[in-house]
Structures are given as C-alpha cells and as structure tokens.
N, C-alpha and C. Protein backbone atom coordinates (compact mmCIF):
# COMPACT_ATOMS: atom_id res chain seq x y z
N MET A 1 144.17 117.47 92.74
CA MET A 1 143.04 117.23 93.60
C MET A 1 142.26 118.55 93.77
N LYS A 2 140.94 118.47 93.65
CA LYS A 2 140.08 119.64 93.79
C LYS A 2 139.70 119.84 95.25
N GLN A 3 139.55 121.12 95.62
CA GLN A 3 139.12 121.44 96.98
C GLN A 3 137.65 121.81 96.97
N ILE A 4 136.96 121.41 98.00
CA ILE A 4 135.54 121.71 98.14
C ILE A 4 135.37 122.66 99.31
N LYS A 5 134.62 123.74 99.07
CA LYS A 5 134.33 124.70 100.13
C LYS A 5 132.91 124.45 100.62
N VAL A 6 132.76 124.45 101.93
CA VAL A 6 131.45 124.20 102.54
C VAL A 6 131.12 125.35 103.46
N ALA A 7 129.90 125.87 103.35
CA ALA A 7 129.41 126.91 104.26
C ALA A 7 128.39 126.28 105.19
N VAL A 8 128.62 126.42 106.49
CA VAL A 8 127.74 125.83 107.49
C VAL A 8 126.99 126.96 108.19
N ARG A 9 125.67 126.81 108.32
CA ARG A 9 124.84 127.79 109.02
C ARG A 9 123.71 127.08 109.70
N LYS A 10 123.08 127.78 110.63
CA LYS A 10 121.95 127.20 111.33
C LYS A 10 120.78 127.01 110.37
N LYS A 11 120.01 125.99 110.63
CA LYS A 11 118.84 125.72 109.81
C LYS A 11 117.86 126.89 109.91
N GLY A 12 117.44 127.41 108.78
CA GLY A 12 116.47 128.48 108.75
C GLY A 12 117.08 129.87 108.81
N SER A 13 118.39 129.98 109.05
CA SER A 13 118.98 131.32 109.10
C SER A 13 119.28 131.78 107.68
N LYS A 14 119.15 133.07 107.50
CA LYS A 14 119.39 133.65 106.19
C LYS A 14 120.55 134.62 106.30
N SER A 15 121.64 134.31 105.67
CA SER A 15 122.81 135.19 105.75
C SER A 15 122.59 136.47 104.96
N ALA A 16 121.72 136.44 103.97
CA ALA A 16 121.48 137.60 103.13
C ALA A 16 120.55 138.61 103.79
N GLN A 17 119.87 138.20 104.86
CA GLN A 17 118.90 139.09 105.50
C GLN A 17 119.64 140.11 106.36
N GLU A 18 119.54 141.36 105.99
CA GLU A 18 120.18 142.44 106.73
C GLU A 18 119.07 143.34 107.30
N PHE A 19 119.27 143.77 108.53
CA PHE A 19 118.30 144.66 109.16
C PHE A 19 118.81 146.09 109.07
N SER A 20 117.89 147.02 108.91
CA SER A 20 118.26 148.43 108.87
C SER A 20 118.55 148.90 110.29
N GLU A 21 119.04 150.12 110.41
CA GLU A 21 119.35 150.70 111.72
C GLU A 21 118.09 150.80 112.58
N ALA A 22 116.98 151.19 111.97
CA ALA A 22 115.71 151.29 112.71
C ALA A 22 115.26 149.92 113.20
N ASP A 23 115.43 148.89 112.36
CA ASP A 23 115.07 147.53 112.77
C ASP A 23 115.93 147.06 113.94
N ASN A 24 117.22 147.39 113.91
CA ASN A 24 118.11 147.00 115.00
C ASN A 24 117.70 147.66 116.31
N GLU A 25 117.33 148.94 116.25
CA GLU A 25 116.89 149.65 117.46
C GLU A 25 115.59 149.05 117.99
N LEU A 26 114.66 148.76 117.08
CA LEU A 26 113.39 148.17 117.50
C LEU A 26 113.61 146.78 118.10
N LYS A 27 114.50 146.02 117.50
CA LYS A 27 114.80 144.68 118.02
C LYS A 27 115.37 144.76 119.43
N GLN A 28 116.28 145.70 119.65
CA GLN A 28 116.85 145.87 120.99
C GLN A 28 115.78 146.27 122.00
N THR A 29 114.89 147.15 121.59
CA THR A 29 113.81 147.58 122.48
C THR A 29 112.90 146.41 122.83
N LEU A 30 112.51 145.64 121.81
CA LEU A 30 111.63 144.48 122.06
C LEU A 30 112.33 143.43 122.91
N GLU A 31 113.63 143.23 122.70
CA GLU A 31 114.37 142.27 123.52
C GLU A 31 114.43 142.71 124.98
N ARG A 32 114.62 144.02 125.21
CA ARG A 32 114.65 144.52 126.59
C ARG A 32 113.30 144.31 127.27
N LEU A 33 112.21 144.58 126.54
CA LEU A 33 110.88 144.39 127.11
C LEU A 33 110.60 142.91 127.38
N ALA A 34 111.02 142.05 126.46
CA ALA A 34 110.81 140.60 126.64
C ALA A 34 111.64 140.09 127.81
N LYS A 35 112.83 140.64 127.98
CA LYS A 35 113.70 140.21 129.07
C LYS A 35 113.09 140.54 130.43
N LYS A 36 112.29 141.61 130.48
CA LYS A 36 111.61 141.98 131.72
C LYS A 36 110.43 141.05 132.02
N GLY A 37 110.12 140.16 131.07
CA GLY A 37 109.04 139.21 131.29
C GLY A 37 107.67 139.72 130.88
N LEU A 38 107.64 140.75 130.05
CA LEU A 38 106.36 141.31 129.62
C LEU A 38 105.76 140.49 128.49
N ASN A 39 104.45 140.34 128.50
CA ASN A 39 103.77 139.66 127.41
C ASN A 39 103.53 140.67 126.28
N PRO A 40 103.13 140.22 125.09
CA PRO A 40 102.96 141.15 123.96
C PRO A 40 102.00 142.31 124.23
N MET A 41 100.94 142.08 125.02
CA MET A 41 100.01 143.16 125.31
C MET A 41 100.68 144.23 126.17
N GLN A 42 101.45 143.81 127.16
CA GLN A 42 102.17 144.75 128.01
C GLN A 42 103.26 145.47 127.21
N MET A 43 103.90 144.75 126.29
CA MET A 43 104.90 145.35 125.43
C MET A 43 104.27 146.44 124.56
N CYS A 44 103.08 146.15 124.05
CA CYS A 44 102.34 147.12 123.24
C CYS A 44 102.07 148.38 124.04
N GLN A 45 101.63 148.24 125.27
CA GLN A 45 101.34 149.39 126.12
C GLN A 45 102.59 150.21 126.40
N LYS A 46 103.72 149.54 126.65
CA LYS A 46 104.97 150.24 126.92
C LYS A 46 105.46 150.99 125.67
N LEU A 47 105.32 150.38 124.50
CA LEU A 47 105.75 151.03 123.26
C LEU A 47 104.93 152.30 123.01
N ILE A 48 103.64 152.23 123.28
CA ILE A 48 102.77 153.40 123.11
C ILE A 48 103.12 154.46 124.17
N GLU A 49 103.32 154.01 125.41
CA GLU A 49 103.63 154.91 126.52
C GLU A 49 104.92 155.70 126.27
N HIS A 50 105.93 155.03 125.71
CA HIS A 50 107.23 155.66 125.47
C HIS A 50 107.34 156.25 124.07
N GLU A 51 106.22 156.27 123.35
CA GLU A 51 106.11 156.89 122.03
C GLU A 51 107.12 156.33 121.03
N VAL A 52 107.29 155.01 121.03
CA VAL A 52 108.12 154.34 120.04
C VAL A 52 107.29 154.21 118.77
N LYS A 53 107.82 154.67 117.67
CA LYS A 53 107.09 154.67 116.40
C LYS A 53 107.10 153.27 115.77
N HIS A 54 105.97 152.89 115.21
CA HIS A 54 105.86 151.64 114.46
C HIS A 54 106.57 151.83 113.14
N PRO A 55 107.33 150.83 112.66
CA PRO A 55 108.05 150.98 111.40
C PRO A 55 107.14 151.32 110.21
N GLY A 56 105.96 150.79 110.20
CA GLY A 56 104.99 151.13 109.16
C GLY A 56 104.17 152.32 109.63
N SER A 57 103.06 152.52 109.02
CA SER A 57 102.19 153.60 109.47
C SER A 57 101.20 153.05 110.50
N GLY A 58 100.72 153.91 111.36
CA GLY A 58 99.72 153.49 112.34
C GLY A 58 100.30 153.32 113.73
N ASP A 59 99.45 152.89 114.63
CA ASP A 59 99.82 152.72 116.03
C ASP A 59 100.14 151.25 116.32
N TRP A 60 100.72 151.03 117.49
CA TRP A 60 101.03 149.67 117.93
C TRP A 60 99.75 148.96 118.36
N THR A 61 99.63 147.71 117.96
CA THR A 61 98.56 146.83 118.42
C THR A 61 99.19 145.51 118.83
N TYR A 62 98.42 144.69 119.49
CA TYR A 62 98.91 143.37 119.91
C TYR A 62 99.43 142.58 118.72
N ASP A 63 98.66 142.55 117.64
CA ASP A 63 99.05 141.78 116.46
C ASP A 63 100.34 142.31 115.83
N ARG A 64 100.50 143.63 115.83
CA ARG A 64 101.71 144.21 115.25
C ARG A 64 102.94 143.90 116.10
N VAL A 65 102.78 143.88 117.42
CA VAL A 65 103.90 143.53 118.30
C VAL A 65 104.32 142.09 118.06
N VAL A 66 103.34 141.19 117.98
CA VAL A 66 103.64 139.77 117.73
C VAL A 66 104.31 139.61 116.37
N GLU A 67 103.79 140.31 115.37
CA GLU A 67 104.35 140.24 114.01
C GLU A 67 105.80 140.72 113.98
N GLU A 68 106.09 141.83 114.64
CA GLU A 68 107.46 142.36 114.66
C GLU A 68 108.39 141.44 115.44
N CYS A 69 107.91 140.85 116.53
CA CYS A 69 108.72 139.92 117.30
C CYS A 69 109.10 138.70 116.46
N GLU A 70 108.15 138.20 115.69
CA GLU A 70 108.43 137.05 114.83
C GLU A 70 109.39 137.44 113.70
N ARG A 71 109.19 138.62 113.12
CA ARG A 71 110.02 139.05 112.00
C ARG A 71 111.46 139.29 112.45
N LEU A 72 111.62 139.89 113.62
CA LEU A 72 112.95 140.21 114.13
C LEU A 72 113.54 139.08 114.98
N LYS A 73 112.77 138.00 115.14
CA LYS A 73 113.19 136.82 115.91
C LYS A 73 113.59 137.18 117.34
N VAL A 74 112.63 137.81 118.02
CA VAL A 74 112.84 138.18 119.43
C VAL A 74 112.26 137.10 120.30
C-alpha cells in the first residue's frame, strides 16, 4: 500500500516567502503603530519623525506605507 503525504496551509500563504531581517524589523514597527490605532498617514508621520529608513530609496509617503503594509501583511 502506498502512502500519500499532504501539506496543509492557509489559502494564499506562501511557505517559500522569507523576509529579511530588515523586513522583520519594519513589520514589527508597522504592527506596533497599527496596534496604537494609527491610520497610514499618521504612521507615515511617525516613521519620518523617528527617522525609520524606507527599504528602498527615498522618503516615506502615504502610498509607500500602504504598499509596505500590504506586502508585509500588517
């Protein structure tokens, strides 16, 4: 008799997707800001105020905060 192995995961989750150390730190920062109830514009202001660097080049904007939140699933 043959055995069948089954891998179960949540719909849409990617097991191969690994975040770098910088991504993990940014995700934690965004989660803390979201937990305080801040909207993306307020989060943007706090990131600039505390001099958190954007992973790419340039400064933080509303669109970049929303994009990073979606990418990191915050």
